[in-house]
N, C-alpha and C. Protein backbone atom coordinates (compact mmCIF):
# COMPACT_ATOMS: atom_id res chain seq x y z
N UNK A 1 -6.26 28.27 8.71
CA UNK A 1 -5.26 27.40 8.07
C UNK A 1 -4.48 26.71 9.24
N UNK A 2 -4.24 25.45 9.12
CA UNK A 2 -3.61 24.74 10.17
C UNK A 2 -2.11 25.09 10.23
N UNK A 3 -1.54 24.92 11.42
CA UNK A 3 -0.12 25.10 11.56
C UNK A 3 0.60 23.81 11.29
N UNK A 4 1.45 23.73 10.29
CA UNK A 4 2.13 22.50 9.97
C UNK A 4 3.49 22.45 10.52
N UNK A 5 3.91 21.26 10.80
CA UNK A 5 5.27 20.96 11.26
C UNK A 5 5.96 20.36 10.00
N UNK A 6 6.63 21.22 9.23
CA UNK A 6 7.17 20.80 7.92
C UNK A 6 8.37 19.92 8.15
N UNK A 7 8.56 18.91 7.28
CA UNK A 7 9.70 18.03 7.30
C UNK A 7 10.29 17.97 5.88
N UNK A 8 11.60 17.76 5.82
CA UNK A 8 12.23 17.53 4.45
C UNK A 8 13.09 16.28 4.55
N UNK A 9 13.36 15.76 3.48
CA UNK A 9 14.10 14.54 3.38
C UNK A 9 15.54 14.78 3.85
N UNK A 10 16.10 13.78 4.58
CA UNK A 10 17.47 13.94 4.97
C UNK A 10 18.44 13.86 3.80
N UNK A 11 17.99 13.38 2.67
CA UNK A 11 18.76 13.36 1.44
C UNK A 11 18.96 14.82 0.88
N UNK A 12 18.14 15.76 1.22
CA UNK A 12 18.12 17.10 0.73
C UNK A 12 19.41 17.87 1.20
N UNK A 13 19.90 17.49 2.33
CA UNK A 13 21.03 18.24 2.91
C UNK A 13 20.65 19.68 3.10
N UNK A 14 21.43 20.61 2.57
CA UNK A 14 21.15 22.01 2.74
C UNK A 14 20.60 22.57 1.44
N UNK A 15 20.16 21.80 0.57
CA UNK A 15 19.60 22.28 -0.71
C UNK A 15 18.30 23.09 -0.46
N UNK A 16 18.22 24.10 -1.38
CA UNK A 16 17.01 24.97 -1.14
C UNK A 16 15.94 24.56 -2.13
N UNK A 17 16.13 23.51 -2.86
CA UNK A 17 15.15 23.11 -3.86
C UNK A 17 14.61 21.74 -3.51
N UNK A 18 13.94 21.59 -2.40
CA UNK A 18 13.41 20.28 -1.97
C UNK A 18 11.93 20.44 -1.68
N UNK A 19 11.25 19.29 -1.48
CA UNK A 19 9.83 19.26 -1.18
C UNK A 19 9.75 19.05 0.31
N UNK A 20 8.86 19.84 1.01
CA UNK A 20 8.58 19.73 2.43
C UNK A 20 7.24 19.02 2.47
N UNK A 21 7.05 18.22 3.51
CA UNK A 21 5.82 17.50 3.72
C UNK A 21 5.36 17.67 5.18
N UNK A 22 4.14 17.72 5.43
CA UNK A 22 3.53 17.86 6.69
C UNK A 22 2.22 17.11 6.78
N UNK A 23 1.76 16.78 8.02
CA UNK A 23 0.54 16.14 8.18
C UNK A 23 -0.19 16.77 9.35
N UNK A 24 -1.50 17.06 9.18
CA UNK A 24 -2.35 17.62 10.26
C UNK A 24 -3.80 17.35 9.89
N UNK A 25 -4.49 16.95 10.93
CA UNK A 25 -6.00 16.70 10.81
C UNK A 25 -6.36 15.74 9.67
N UNK A 26 -5.59 14.72 9.38
CA UNK A 26 -5.88 13.76 8.34
C UNK A 26 -5.61 14.23 6.97
N UNK A 27 -4.78 15.38 6.87
CA UNK A 27 -4.47 15.94 5.59
C UNK A 27 -2.95 15.91 5.40
N UNK A 28 -2.49 15.56 4.16
CA UNK A 28 -1.06 15.63 3.90
C UNK A 28 -0.87 16.98 3.13
N UNK A 29 0.13 17.78 3.56
CA UNK A 29 0.38 19.04 2.88
C UNK A 29 1.84 18.92 2.30
N UNK A 30 2.03 19.53 1.11
CA UNK A 30 3.32 19.48 0.44
C UNK A 30 3.57 20.91 -0.12
N UNK A 31 4.90 21.31 -0.08
CA UNK A 31 5.29 22.54 -0.69
C UNK A 31 6.71 22.45 -1.15
N UNK A 32 7.06 23.32 -2.06
CA UNK A 32 8.47 23.40 -2.47
C UNK A 32 9.16 24.42 -1.63
N UNK A 33 10.39 24.14 -1.21
CA UNK A 33 11.07 25.00 -0.26
C UNK A 33 11.35 26.34 -0.85
N UNK A 34 11.47 26.48 -2.16
CA UNK A 34 11.72 27.78 -2.78
C UNK A 34 10.48 28.55 -3.07
N UNK A 35 9.30 27.98 -2.79
CA UNK A 35 7.97 28.70 -2.93
C UNK A 35 7.08 28.23 -1.78
N UNK A 36 7.44 28.50 -0.56
CA UNK A 36 6.67 27.90 0.58
C UNK A 36 5.22 28.35 0.76
N UNK A 37 4.82 29.43 0.14
CA UNK A 37 3.42 29.87 0.24
C UNK A 37 2.49 29.06 -0.68
N UNK A 38 2.98 28.35 -1.64
CA UNK A 38 2.20 27.49 -2.48
C UNK A 38 2.12 26.09 -1.89
N UNK A 39 0.97 25.75 -1.29
CA UNK A 39 0.84 24.53 -0.57
C UNK A 39 -0.25 23.66 -1.24
N UNK A 40 0.13 22.39 -1.53
CA UNK A 40 -0.78 21.41 -2.09
C UNK A 40 -1.27 20.48 -0.97
N UNK A 41 -2.51 20.13 -0.93
CA UNK A 41 -2.99 19.19 0.08
C UNK A 41 -3.60 18.03 -0.58
N UNK A 42 -3.55 16.84 0.10
CA UNK A 42 -4.18 15.67 -0.35
C UNK A 42 -4.46 14.74 0.85
N UNK A 43 -5.08 13.63 0.58
CA UNK A 43 -5.36 12.64 1.64
C UNK A 43 -4.20 11.60 1.72
N UNK A 44 -3.96 10.96 2.82
CA UNK A 44 -2.93 9.91 2.85
C UNK A 44 -3.19 8.80 1.82
N UNK A 45 -4.47 8.40 1.64
CA UNK A 45 -4.76 7.37 0.67
C UNK A 45 -4.45 7.84 -0.77
N UNK A 46 -4.81 9.02 -1.11
CA UNK A 46 -4.51 9.53 -2.49
C UNK A 46 -3.00 9.62 -2.71
N UNK A 47 -2.23 10.06 -1.71
CA UNK A 47 -0.78 10.18 -1.86
C UNK A 47 -0.17 8.80 -2.01
N UNK A 48 -0.63 7.85 -1.18
CA UNK A 48 -0.13 6.46 -1.35
C UNK A 48 -0.36 5.90 -2.74
N UNK A 49 -1.62 6.19 -3.24
CA UNK A 49 -1.92 5.66 -4.57
C UNK A 49 -1.05 6.32 -5.69
N UNK A 50 -0.81 7.64 -5.54
CA UNK A 50 0.07 8.34 -6.47
C UNK A 50 1.50 7.79 -6.42
N UNK A 51 2.01 7.62 -5.19
CA UNK A 51 3.41 7.12 -5.12
C UNK A 51 3.48 5.72 -5.64
N UNK A 52 2.58 4.84 -5.33
CA UNK A 52 2.52 3.45 -5.89
C UNK A 52 2.46 3.43 -7.40
N UNK A 53 1.65 4.32 -8.01
CA UNK A 53 1.55 4.44 -9.41
C UNK A 53 2.82 4.92 -10.07
N UNK A 54 3.42 5.93 -9.42
CA UNK A 54 4.68 6.53 -9.96
C UNK A 54 5.86 5.48 -9.89
N UNK A 55 5.85 4.74 -8.77
CA UNK A 55 6.92 3.66 -8.73
C UNK A 55 6.73 2.60 -9.75
N UNK A 56 5.45 2.38 -10.16
CA UNK A 56 5.23 1.31 -11.13
C UNK A 56 5.51 1.83 -12.56
N UNK A 57 5.87 3.08 -12.67
CA UNK A 57 6.36 3.64 -13.96
C UNK A 57 5.23 4.26 -14.76
N UNK A 58 4.05 4.50 -14.17
CA UNK A 58 2.94 4.99 -15.04
C UNK A 58 3.26 6.42 -15.67
N UNK A 59 4.09 7.11 -15.00
CA UNK A 59 4.36 8.52 -15.49
C UNK A 59 5.65 8.60 -16.20
N UNK A 60 6.30 7.51 -16.52
CA UNK A 60 7.63 7.59 -17.16
C UNK A 60 7.63 8.19 -18.59
N UNK A 61 6.55 8.11 -19.25
CA UNK A 61 6.48 8.54 -20.67
C UNK A 61 5.49 9.66 -20.90
N UNK A 62 5.25 10.50 -19.99
CA UNK A 62 4.25 11.59 -20.10
C UNK A 62 4.77 12.56 -21.18
N UNK A 63 3.95 12.92 -22.11
CA UNK A 63 4.34 13.86 -23.13
C UNK A 63 3.56 15.16 -22.85
N UNK A 64 4.28 16.29 -23.00
CA UNK A 64 3.67 17.58 -22.88
C UNK A 64 2.86 17.87 -24.11
N UNK A 65 1.65 18.42 -23.93
CA UNK A 65 0.63 18.64 -24.97
C UNK A 65 0.96 19.71 -25.91
């Protein structure tokens, strides 16, 4: 498993409920600060596509099944 240099948003201040992001070997890793052992990974292109889609409002009306 790679060693990640985790970063969090400067908007998070001292909050313990934020998302940390890291990049290594062409992979983007994300984790929640309150559960750091659960790490999700994706590619930069897939993350850009997800963010672009979210900003466009595609997930604004998701209904739970």
